[in-house]
Amino acid sequence: MQTSNGRITKDGIRIHEPADFAGMHVAGRLAAQILDDIAEHVFPGQTTGELDRLIEQWVGDAGATSATIGYKGYKHASCISVNHVVCHGIPGDKKLKDGDILNIDVTVIVDGWFGDTSRMYVAGNLARKPERLIQVTHDALMKGIEAAKPGNTFGDIGHAIQTYVESNRMSVVRDFCGHGLGRVFHAPPNVVHYGRPGTGPMLEEGMFFTIEPMVNLGRPDTKVLADDWTAVTRDKSLSAQFEHSIGITADGADIFTLSPGGRFHPTYNV
């Protein structure tokens, strides 16, 4: 789909044309459908490498392109982050154990548009503490999206997420953030998941970006392992993340990555 270039704000944020929303919906729906389809393959004994193999196959079958394969040397079609891995977990041969929680993050390119989303899964039985972590993280994302409307600021989004998470005695990771996207994978702005109301750039109709809070049961501190990708909690506490790609409309946020099957939350079948 062709598009005009739109305009760039003083903060470097692209304002997209109304016609551009259609392309983002197509890309976002494919990414979300892949995450729907992978759910039944998450179980104790499964490897994260096999999950990634399936994802790569489905991206190709759809005639799309993986945005992550070849990105800064990355070799996989997904990031799969298990338990205390905060983000950018590399798929491999390690088998999932009963009770493991994991985030699967997929970005596809369809007709030049990027669809980027992640959500949580559970292998086997879900214990009470990780269940609460997953719920708080999910709800924090949705509170951030509620604050994403013209006239508010990016600080309002971060504040909504931070205050909710901290009211539940959990912590928001500060070392990673959401980002602008569209016909590029990463663009301004950086969408941080903490902040003060009324700070940061003003939200305008036509902005496209991700909101993807990472929430830890313990402290917010992280470290990146020797592979230069995998980020983990320093205190080895559990971490969870949910991510949607959205576009700002006249009255709020248009979510590009809604789950076609209503499977965005891992307890959809309970």
C-alpha atoms as a PDB file:
ATOM      1  CA  MET A   1       0.000   0.000   0.000  1.00  0.00           C
ATOM      2  CA  GLN A   2       1.371   3.360  -0.959  1.00  0.00           C
ATOM      3  CA  THR A   3       1.240   6.318   1.341  1.00  0.00           C
ATOM      4  CA  SER A   4       2.279   9.904   1.419  1.00  0.00           C
ATOM      5  CA  ASN A   5       5.079  10.781   3.801  1.00  0.00           C
ATOM      6  CA  GLY A   6       2.876  12.716   6.177  1.00  0.00           C
ATOM      7  CA  ARG A   7       4.699  15.210   8.389  1.00  0.00           C
ATOM      8  CA  ILE A   8       7.268  15.046  11.166  1.00  0.00           C
ATOM      9  CA  THR A   9       6.748  16.823  14.486  1.00  0.00           C
ATOM     10  CA  LYS A  10       9.439  18.902  16.182  1.00  0.00           C
ATOM     11  CA  ASP A  11      10.139  15.821  18.316  1.00  0.00           C
ATOM     12  CA  GLY A  12      10.854  13.724  15.224  1.00  0.00           C
ATOM     13  CA  ILE A  13       7.588  11.782  15.379  1.00  0.00           C
ATOM     14  CA  ARG A  14       5.911  10.947  12.084  1.00  0.00           C
ATOM     15  CA  ILE A  15       2.243  11.876  11.675  1.00  0.00           C
ATOM     16  CA  HIS A  16       0.705   9.284   9.368  1.00  0.00           C
ATOM     17  CA  GLU A  17      -2.142   9.752   6.926  1.00  0.00           C
ATOM     18  CA  PRO A  18      -5.612   8.224   7.584  1.00  0.00           C
ATOM     19  CA  ALA A  19      -5.050   5.719   4.750  1.00  0.00           C
ATOM     20  CA  ASP A  20      -1.970   4.353   6.539  1.00  0.00           C
ATOM     21  CA  PHE A  21      -4.102   2.804   9.300  1.00  0.00           C
ATOM     22  CA  ALA A  22      -5.305   0.083   6.897  1.00  0.00           C
ATOM     23  CA  GLY A  23      -1.777  -1.173   6.229  1.00  0.00           C
ATOM     24  CA  MET A  24      -0.987  -1.280   9.922  1.00  0.00           C
ATOM     25  CA  HIS A  25      -4.142  -3.267  10.624  1.00  0.00           C
ATOM     26  CA  VAL A  26      -3.163  -5.925   8.078  1.00  0.00           C
ATOM     27  CA  ALA A  27       0.346  -6.294   9.488  1.00  0.00           C
ATOM     28  CA  GLY A  28      -0.847  -6.161  13.089  1.00  0.00           C
ATOM     29  CA  ARG A  29      -3.537  -8.763  12.507  1.00  0.00           C
ATOM     30  CA  LEU A  30      -1.049 -11.220  11.022  1.00  0.00           C
ATOM     31  CA  ALA A  31       1.317 -10.852  13.972  1.00  0.00           C
ATOM     32  CA  ALA A  32      -1.599 -11.305  16.367  1.00  0.00           C
ATOM     33  CA  GLN A  33      -2.919 -14.341  14.469  1.00  0.00           C
ATOM     34  CA  ILE A  34       0.485 -16.008  14.682  1.00  0.00           C
ATOM     35  CA  LEU A  35       0.487 -15.472  18.443  1.00  0.00           C
ATOM     36  CA  ASP A  36      -3.027 -16.934  18.604  1.00  0.00           C
ATOM     37  CA  ASP A  37      -1.914 -20.010  16.690  1.00  0.00           C
ATOM     38  CA  ILE A  38       1.218 -20.633  18.754  1.00  0.00           C
ATOM     39  CA  ALA A  39      -0.771 -20.942  21.993  1.00  0.00           C
ATOM     40  CA  GLU A  40      -1.617 -24.633  21.604  1.00  0.00           C
ATOM     41  CA  HIS A  41       2.073 -25.427  21.050  1.00  0.00           C
ATOM     42  CA  VAL A  42       3.135 -24.027  24.449  1.00  0.00           C
ATOM     43  CA  PHE A  43       3.336 -26.921  26.913  1.00  0.00           C
ATOM     44  CA  PRO A  44       5.825 -28.576  29.294  1.00  0.00           C
ATOM     45  CA  GLY A  45       8.529 -30.375  27.308  1.00  0.00           C
ATOM     46  CA  GLN A  46       8.251 -28.060  24.307  1.00  0.00           C
ATOM     47  CA  THR A  47      11.373 -26.156  23.280  1.00  0.00           C
ATOM     48  CA  THR A  48      11.442 -22.450  22.547  1.00  0.00           C
ATOM     49  CA  GLY A  49      13.364 -23.306  19.397  1.00  0.00           C
ATOM     50  CA  GLU A  50      10.438 -25.337  18.068  1.00  0.00           C
ATOM     51  CA  LEU A  51       8.058 -22.474  18.847  1.00  0.00           C
ATOM     52  CA  ASP A  52      10.298 -20.148  16.854  1.00  0.00           C
ATOM     53  CA  ARG A  53      10.510 -22.636  13.962  1.00  0.00           C
ATOM     54  CA  LEU A  54       6.723 -22.700  13.725  1.00  0.00           C
ATOM     55  CA  ILE A  55       6.514 -18.914  13.849  1.00  0.00           C
ATOM     56  CA  GLU A  56       9.081 -18.539  11.076  1.00  0.00           C
ATOM     57  CA  GLN A  57       7.175 -21.088   8.976  1.00  0.00           C
ATOM     58  CA  TRP A  58       3.854 -19.296   9.458  1.00  0.00           C
ATOM     59  CA  VAL A  59       5.327 -15.897   8.601  1.00  0.00           C
ATOM     60  CA  GLY A  60       6.604 -17.337   5.327  1.00  0.00           C
ATOM     61  CA  ASP A  61       3.362 -19.190   4.605  1.00  0.00           C
ATOM     62  CA  ALA A  62       1.532 -15.855   4.894  1.00  0.00           C
ATOM     63  CA  GLY A  63       3.818 -14.273   2.309  1.00  0.00           C
ATOM     64  CA  ALA A  64       5.176 -11.899   4.936  1.00  0.00           C
ATOM     65  CA  THR A  65       8.693 -11.172   6.176  1.00  0.00           C
ATOM     66  CA  SER A  66      10.107 -11.493   9.674  1.00  0.00           C
ATOM     67  CA  ALA A  67      11.396  -8.133  10.874  1.00  0.00           C
ATOM     68  CA  THR A  68      13.748  -9.721  13.389  1.00  0.00           C
ATOM     69  CA  ILE A  69      15.659 -12.210  11.228  1.00  0.00           C
ATOM     70  CA  GLY A  70      18.822 -10.351  10.269  1.00  0.00           C
ATOM     71  CA  TYR A  71      18.051  -7.361  12.502  1.00  0.00           C
ATOM     72  CA  LYS A  72      21.420  -6.407  14.038  1.00  0.00           C
ATOM     73  CA  GLY A  73      22.526  -9.991  13.398  1.00  0.00           C
ATOM     74  CA  TYR A  74      19.569 -11.641  15.158  1.00  0.00           C
ATOM     75  CA  LYS A  75      18.735 -15.046  13.659  1.00  0.00           C
ATOM     76  CA  HIS A  76      15.204 -15.811  14.828  1.00  0.00           C
ATOM     77  CA  ALA A  77      11.605 -14.921  13.960  1.00  0.00           C
ATOM     78  CA  SER A  78      10.668 -14.275  17.581  1.00  0.00           C
ATOM     79  CA  CYS A  79      12.014 -13.384  20.987  1.00  0.00           C
ATOM     80  CA  ILE A  80      10.911 -15.835  23.672  1.00  0.00           C
ATOM     81  CA  SER A  81      11.546 -14.727  27.252  1.00  0.00           C
ATOM     82  CA  VAL A  82      11.001 -17.304  30.011  1.00  0.00           C
ATOM     83  CA  ASN A  83      10.436 -16.583  33.716  1.00  0.00           C
ATOM     84  CA  HIS A  84      13.099 -14.059  34.863  1.00  0.00           C
ATOM     85  CA  VAL A  85      14.047 -13.113  31.290  1.00  0.00           C
ATOM     86  CA  VAL A  86      12.686  -9.598  30.808  1.00  0.00           C
ATOM     87  CA  CYS A  87      12.931  -9.386  27.008  1.00  0.00           C
ATOM     88  CA  HIS A  88      14.928 -10.433  23.935  1.00  0.00           C
ATOM     89  CA  GLY A  89      15.191 -14.071  25.006  1.00  0.00           C
ATOM     90  CA  ILE A  90      16.770 -16.177  22.234  1.00  0.00           C
ATOM     91  CA  PRO A  91      14.889 -19.359  21.216  1.00  0.00           C
ATOM     92  CA  GLY A  92      16.862 -22.561  21.678  1.00  0.00           C
ATOM     93  CA  ASP A  93      16.897 -26.192  22.818  1.00  0.00           C
ATOM     94  CA  LYS A  94      15.870 -25.645  26.427  1.00  0.00           C
ATOM     95  CA  LYS A  95      12.586 -27.386  27.264  1.00  0.00           C
ATOM     96  CA  LEU A  96       9.756 -25.609  29.028  1.00  0.00           C
ATOM     97  CA  LYS A  97       8.881 -26.876  32.494  1.00  0.00           C
ATOM     98  CA  ASP A  98       5.477 -27.058  34.140  1.00  0.00           C
ATOM     99  CA  GLY A  99       4.595 -23.623  35.496  1.00  0.00           C
ATOM    100  CA  ASP A 100       6.996 -21.672  33.291  1.00  0.00           C
ATOM    101  CA  ILE A 101       5.692 -18.326  32.088  1.00  0.00           C
ATOM    102  CA  LEU A 102       6.954 -16.877  28.839  1.00  0.00           C
ATOM    103  CA  ASN A 103       6.576 -13.854  26.618  1.00  0.00           C
ATOM    104  CA  ILE A 104       6.574 -14.394  22.859  1.00  0.00           C
ATOM    105  CA  ASP A 105       7.317 -11.301  20.772  1.00  0.00           C
ATOM    106  CA  VAL A 106       6.763 -11.289  16.998  1.00  0.00           C
ATOM    107  CA  THR A 107       7.194  -8.565  14.376  1.00  0.00           C
ATOM    108  CA  VAL A 108       6.169  -9.098  10.754  1.00  0.00           C
ATOM    109  CA  ILE A 109       6.385  -6.933   7.651  1.00  0.00           C
ATOM    110  CA  VAL A 110       3.415  -6.939   5.273  1.00  0.00           C
ATOM    111  CA  ASP A 111       3.481  -4.674   2.207  1.00  0.00           C
ATOM    112  CA  GLY A 112       6.125  -2.566   3.951  1.00  0.00           C
ATOM    113  CA  TRP A 113       4.161  -2.124   7.192  1.00  0.00           C
ATOM    114  CA  PHE A 114       5.435  -3.466  10.529  1.00  0.00           C
ATOM    115  CA  GLY A 115       3.166  -5.401  12.896  1.00  0.00           C
ATOM    116  CA  ASP A 116       4.714  -5.761  16.365  1.00  0.00           C
ATOM    117  CA  THR A 117       3.107  -7.464  19.365  1.00  0.00           C
ATOM    118  CA  SER A 118       3.875  -9.734  22.301  1.00  0.00           C
ATOM    119  CA  ARG A 119       1.926 -11.523  24.971  1.00  0.00           C
ATOM    120  CA  MET A 120       2.323 -13.979  27.846  1.00  0.00           C
ATOM    121  CA  TYR A 121       1.879 -17.751  27.810  1.00  0.00           C
ATOM    122  CA  VAL A 122       1.977 -20.474  30.464  1.00  0.00           C
ATOM    123  CA  ALA A 123       3.404 -23.984  30.123  1.00  0.00           C
ATOM    124  CA  GLY A 124       1.142 -26.242  32.170  1.00  0.00           C
ATOM    125  CA  ASN A 125      -0.190 -25.034  35.499  1.00  0.00           C
ATOM    126  CA  LEU A 126      -0.148 -21.372  36.493  1.00  0.00           C
ATOM    127  CA  ALA A 127       0.840 -20.603  40.092  1.00  0.00           C
ATOM    128  CA  ARG A 128      -0.737 -17.745  42.022  1.00  0.00           C
ATOM    129  CA  LYS A 129       2.192 -15.291  42.075  1.00  0.00           C
ATOM    130  CA  PRO A 130       2.932 -15.417  38.334  1.00  0.00           C
ATOM    131  CA  GLU A 131      -0.795 -15.310  37.637  1.00  0.00           C
ATOM    132  CA  ARG A 132      -1.057 -12.037  39.533  1.00  0.00           C
ATOM    133  CA  LEU A 133       2.066 -10.675  37.791  1.00  0.00           C
ATOM    134  CA  ILE A 134       0.591 -11.489  34.385  1.00  0.00           C
ATOM    135  CA  GLN A 135      -2.735  -9.879  35.265  1.00  0.00           C
ATOM    136  CA  VAL A 136      -1.153  -6.674  36.591  1.00  0.00           C
ATOM    137  CA  THR A 137       1.071  -6.397  33.506  1.00  0.00           C
ATOM    138  CA  HIS A 138      -1.862  -6.903  31.146  1.00  0.00           C
ATOM    139  CA  ASP A 139      -3.973  -4.354  32.972  1.00  0.00           C
ATOM    140  CA  ALA A 140      -1.094  -1.876  33.082  1.00  0.00           C
ATOM    141  CA  LEU A 141      -0.815  -2.043  29.284  1.00  0.00           C
ATOM    142  CA  MET A 142      -4.530  -1.387  28.911  1.00  0.00           C
ATOM    143  CA  LYS A 143      -4.356   1.574  31.313  1.00  0.00           C
ATOM    144  CA  GLY A 144      -1.533   2.977  29.198  1.00  0.00           C
ATOM    145  CA  ILE A 145      -3.630   2.584  26.069  1.00  0.00           C
ATOM    146  CA  GLU A 146      -6.562   4.331  27.774  1.00  0.00           C
ATOM    147  CA  ALA A 147      -4.295   7.348  28.319  1.00  0.00           C
ATOM    148  CA  ALA A 148      -3.213   7.381  24.657  1.00  0.00           C
ATOM    149  CA  LYS A 149      -5.391  10.081  23.134  1.00  0.00           C
ATOM    150  CA  PRO A 150      -4.899  13.497  21.524  1.00  0.00           C
ATOM    151  CA  GLY A 151      -4.163  16.215  24.040  1.00  0.00           C
ATOM    152  CA  ASN A 152      -2.461  13.883  26.486  1.00  0.00           C
ATOM    153  CA  THR A 153       1.300  13.418  26.591  1.00  0.00           C
ATOM    154  CA  PHE A 154       3.605  10.425  26.558  1.00  0.00           C
ATOM    155  CA  GLY A 155       4.244  11.182  30.216  1.00  0.00           C
ATOM    156  CA  ASP A 156       0.556  10.571  30.873  1.00  0.00           C
ATOM    157  CA  ILE A 157       0.882   7.081  29.356  1.00  0.00           C
ATOM    158  CA  GLY A 158       3.933   6.262  31.459  1.00  0.00           C
ATOM    159  CA  HIS A 159       2.334   7.657  34.607  1.00  0.00           C
ATOM    160  CA  ALA A 160      -0.802   5.554  34.148  1.00  0.00           C
ATOM    161  CA  ILE A 161       1.290   2.399  33.834  1.00  0.00           C
ATOM    162  CA  GLN A 162       3.736   3.183  36.623  1.00  0.00           C
ATOM    163  CA  THR A 163       1.170   4.185  39.233  1.00  0.00           C
ATOM    164  CA  TYR A 164      -0.933   1.082  38.605  1.00  0.00           C
ATOM    165  CA  VAL A 165       2.024  -1.303  38.743  1.00  0.00           C
ATOM    166  CA  GLU A 166       3.530   0.251  41.856  1.00  0.00           C
ATOM    167  CA  SER A 167       0.142   0.298  43.594  1.00  0.00           C
ATOM    168  CA  ASN A 168       0.285  -3.489  43.221  1.00  0.00           C
ATOM    169  CA  ARG A 169       3.781  -3.576  44.797  1.00  0.00           C
ATOM    170  CA  MET A 170       5.534  -4.524  41.580  1.00  0.00           C
ATOM    171  CA  SER A 171       8.066  -2.570  39.538  1.00  0.00           C
ATOM    172  CA  VAL A 172       8.258  -1.200  36.009  1.00  0.00           C
ATOM    173  CA  VAL A 173      11.422  -1.937  34.018  1.00  0.00           C
ATOM    174  CA  ARG A 174      13.077   1.329  32.953  1.00  0.00           C
ATOM    175  CA  ASP A 175      15.872   0.000  30.752  1.00  0.00           C
ATOM    176  CA  PHE A 176      13.608  -0.818  27.770  1.00  0.00           C
ATOM    177  CA  CYS A 177      10.710   1.020  26.186  1.00  0.00           C
ATOM    178  CA  GLY A 178       8.142   1.097  23.414  1.00  0.00           C
ATOM    179  CA  HIS A 179       8.821   2.862  20.133  1.00  0.00           C
ATOM    180  CA  GLY A 180       7.381   4.456  17.050  1.00  0.00           C
ATOM    181  CA  LEU A 181       6.836   2.242  14.025  1.00  0.00           C
ATOM    182  CA  GLY A 182       5.053   2.158  10.675  1.00  0.00           C
ATOM    183  CA  ARG A 183       7.140   1.549   7.576  1.00  0.00           C
ATOM    184  CA  VAL A 184      10.151   1.219   9.877  1.00  0.00           C
ATOM    185  CA  PHE A 185      10.765  -1.130  12.815  1.00  0.00           C
ATOM    186  CA  HIS A 186      11.906   1.491  15.320  1.00  0.00           C
ATOM    187  CA  ALA A 187      11.403   5.248  15.136  1.00  0.00           C
ATOM    188  CA  PRO A 188      10.777   8.159  17.507  1.00  0.00           C
ATOM    189  CA  PRO A 189       9.345   8.415  20.069  1.00  0.00           C
ATOM    190  CA  ASN A 190      10.728   6.284  22.865  1.00  0.00           C
ATOM    191  CA  VAL A 191       7.635   5.246  24.816  1.00  0.00           C
ATOM    192  CA  VAL A 192       8.745   4.819  28.415  1.00  0.00           C
ATOM    193  CA  HIS A 193       6.445   3.073  30.861  1.00  0.00           C
ATOM    194  CA  TYR A 194       6.905   5.477  33.771  1.00  0.00           C
ATOM    195  CA  GLY A 195       6.716   9.229  34.028  1.00  0.00           C
ATOM    196  CA  ARG A 196       5.025  12.375  35.232  1.00  0.00           C
ATOM    197  CA  PRO A 197       1.683  13.630  33.908  1.00  0.00           C
ATOM    198  CA  GLY A 198       1.893  16.395  31.334  1.00  0.00           C
ATOM    199  CA  THR A 199       5.509  15.718  30.373  1.00  0.00           C
ATOM    200  CA  GLY A 200       6.944  14.610  27.051  1.00  0.00           C
ATOM    201  CA  PRO A 201       5.601  15.185  23.532  1.00  0.00           C
ATOM    202  CA  MET A 202       1.897  15.830  23.002  1.00  0.00           C
ATOM    203  CA  LEU A 203      -0.045  12.984  21.414  1.00  0.00           C
ATOM    204  CA  GLU A 204      -1.476  13.760  17.980  1.00  0.00           C
ATOM    205  CA  GLU A 205      -3.797  11.956  15.616  1.00  0.00           C
ATOM    206  CA  GLY A 206      -1.761   9.831  13.185  1.00  0.00           C
ATOM    207  CA  MET A 207       1.049   8.804  15.555  1.00  0.00           C
ATOM    208  CA  PHE A 208       1.884   5.070  15.439  1.00  0.00           C
ATOM    209  CA  PHE A 209       3.798   3.420  18.291  1.00  0.00           C
ATOM    210  CA  THR A 210       4.022   0.429  20.615  1.00  0.00           C
ATOM    211  CA  ILE A 211       3.248   0.301  24.308  1.00  0.00           C
ATOM    212  CA  GLU A 212       4.963  -2.719  25.877  1.00  0.00           C
ATOM    213  CA  PRO A 213       5.421  -2.519  29.656  1.00  0.00           C
ATOM    214  CA  MET A 214       7.760  -4.996  31.316  1.00  0.00           C
ATOM    215  CA  VAL A 215       6.836  -5.602  34.947  1.00  0.00           C
ATOM    216  CA  ASN A 216       8.914  -7.397  37.593  1.00  0.00           C
ATOM    217  CA  LEU A 217       7.744  -9.061  40.798  1.00  0.00           C
ATOM    218  CA  GLY A 218      10.933  -7.767  42.413  1.00  0.00           C
ATOM    219  CA  ARG A 219      13.116  -4.777  41.699  1.00  0.00           C
ATOM    220  CA  PRO A 220      13.154  -3.060  38.268  1.00  0.00           C
ATOM    221  CA  ASP A 221      16.885  -3.566  37.658  1.00  0.00           C
ATOM    222  CA  THR A 222      17.992  -5.630  34.661  1.00  0.00           C
ATOM    223  CA  LYS A 223      21.206  -6.838  33.072  1.00  0.00           C
ATOM    224  CA  VAL A 224      22.030  -8.072  29.573  1.00  0.00           C
ATOM    225  CA  LEU A 225      23.766 -11.438  29.303  1.00  0.00           C
ATOM    226  CA  ALA A 226      26.947 -12.197  27.369  1.00  0.00           C
ATOM    227  CA  ASP A 227      24.973 -12.982  24.188  1.00  0.00           C
ATOM    228  CA  ASP A 228      24.255  -9.209  23.965  1.00  0.00           C
ATOM    229  CA  TRP A 229      20.517  -9.850  23.614  1.00  0.00           C
ATOM    230  CA  THR A 230      18.976 -11.600  26.612  1.00  0.00           C
ATOM    231  CA  ALA A 231      17.901  -9.187  29.370  1.00  0.00           C
ATOM    232  CA  VAL A 232      17.164 -10.658  32.797  1.00  0.00           C
ATOM    233  CA  THR A 233      16.097  -9.365  36.190  1.00  0.00           C
ATOM    234  CA  ARG A 234      19.123  -8.750  38.398  1.00  0.00           C
ATOM    235  CA  ASP A 235      17.373 -10.232  41.428  1.00  0.00           C
ATOM    236  CA  LYS A 236      16.089 -13.250  39.412  1.00  0.00           C
ATOM    237  CA  SER A 237      12.480 -12.283  40.112  1.00  0.00           C
ATOM    238  CA  LEU A 238       9.811 -13.161  37.569  1.00  0.00           C
ATOM    239  CA  SER A 239       9.057 -10.693  34.769  1.00  0.00           C
ATOM    240  CA  ALA A 240       6.101 -10.309  32.402  1.00  0.00           C
ATOM    241  CA  GLN A 241       5.321  -8.185  29.347  1.00  0.00           C
ATOM    242  CA  PHE A 242       2.444  -7.430  26.997  1.00  0.00           C
ATOM    243  CA  GLU A 243       2.713  -5.337  23.832  1.00  0.00           C
ATOM    244  CA  HIS A 244       0.261  -3.742  21.419  1.00  0.00           C
ATOM    245  CA  SER A 245       0.911  -1.530  18.406  1.00  0.00           C
ATOM    246  CA  ILE A 246      -1.513   1.389  18.247  1.00  0.00           C
ATOM    247  CA  GLY A 247      -2.389   4.430  16.195  1.00  0.00           C
ATOM    248  CA  ILE A 248      -3.768   7.636  17.662  1.00  0.00           C
ATOM    249  CA  THR A 249      -7.195   8.622  16.348  1.00  0.00           C
ATOM    250  CA  ALA A 250      -9.351  11.683  16.982  1.00  0.00           C
ATOM    251  CA  ASP A 251     -10.803  10.187  20.157  1.00  0.00           C
ATOM    252  CA  GLY A 252      -8.269   7.645  21.414  1.00  0.00           C
ATOM    253  CA  ALA A 253      -6.191   4.666  20.353  1.00  0.00           C
ATOM    254  CA  ASP A 254      -6.793   2.224  17.504  1.00  0.00           C
ATOM    255  CA  ILE A 255      -5.181  -1.113  18.461  1.00  0.00           C
ATOM    256  CA  PHE A 256      -3.613  -2.752  15.394  1.00  0.00           C
ATOM    257  CA  THR A 257      -2.668  -6.009  17.115  1.00  0.00           C
ATOM    258  CA  LEU A 258      -5.896  -7.218  18.727  1.00  0.00           C
ATOM    259  CA  SER A 259      -6.089 -10.992  19.050  1.00  0.00           C
ATOM    260  CA  PRO A 260      -8.429 -12.317  16.320  1.00  0.00           C
ATOM    261  CA  GLY A 261      -9.415 -15.227  18.575  1.00  0.00           C
ATOM    262  CA  GLY A 262      -9.604 -13.327  21.870  1.00  0.00           C
ATOM    263  CA  ARG A 263      -6.424 -15.047  23.104  1.00  0.00           C
ATOM    264  CA  PHE A 264      -4.348 -12.032  24.162  1.00  0.00           C
ATOM    265  CA  HIS A 265      -4.454 -13.074  27.825  1.00  0.00           C
ATOM    266  CA  PRO A 266      -3.110 -16.580  28.616  1.00  0.00           C
ATOM    267  CA  THR A 267      -6.160 -17.575  30.668  1.00  0.00           C
ATOM    268  CA  TYR A 268      -8.517 -17.099  27.688  1.00  0.00           C
ATOM    269  CA  ASN A 269      -9.507 -20.792  27.830  1.00  0.00           C
ATOM    270  CA  VAL A 270     -10.140 -20.981  31.570  1.00  0.00           C
END
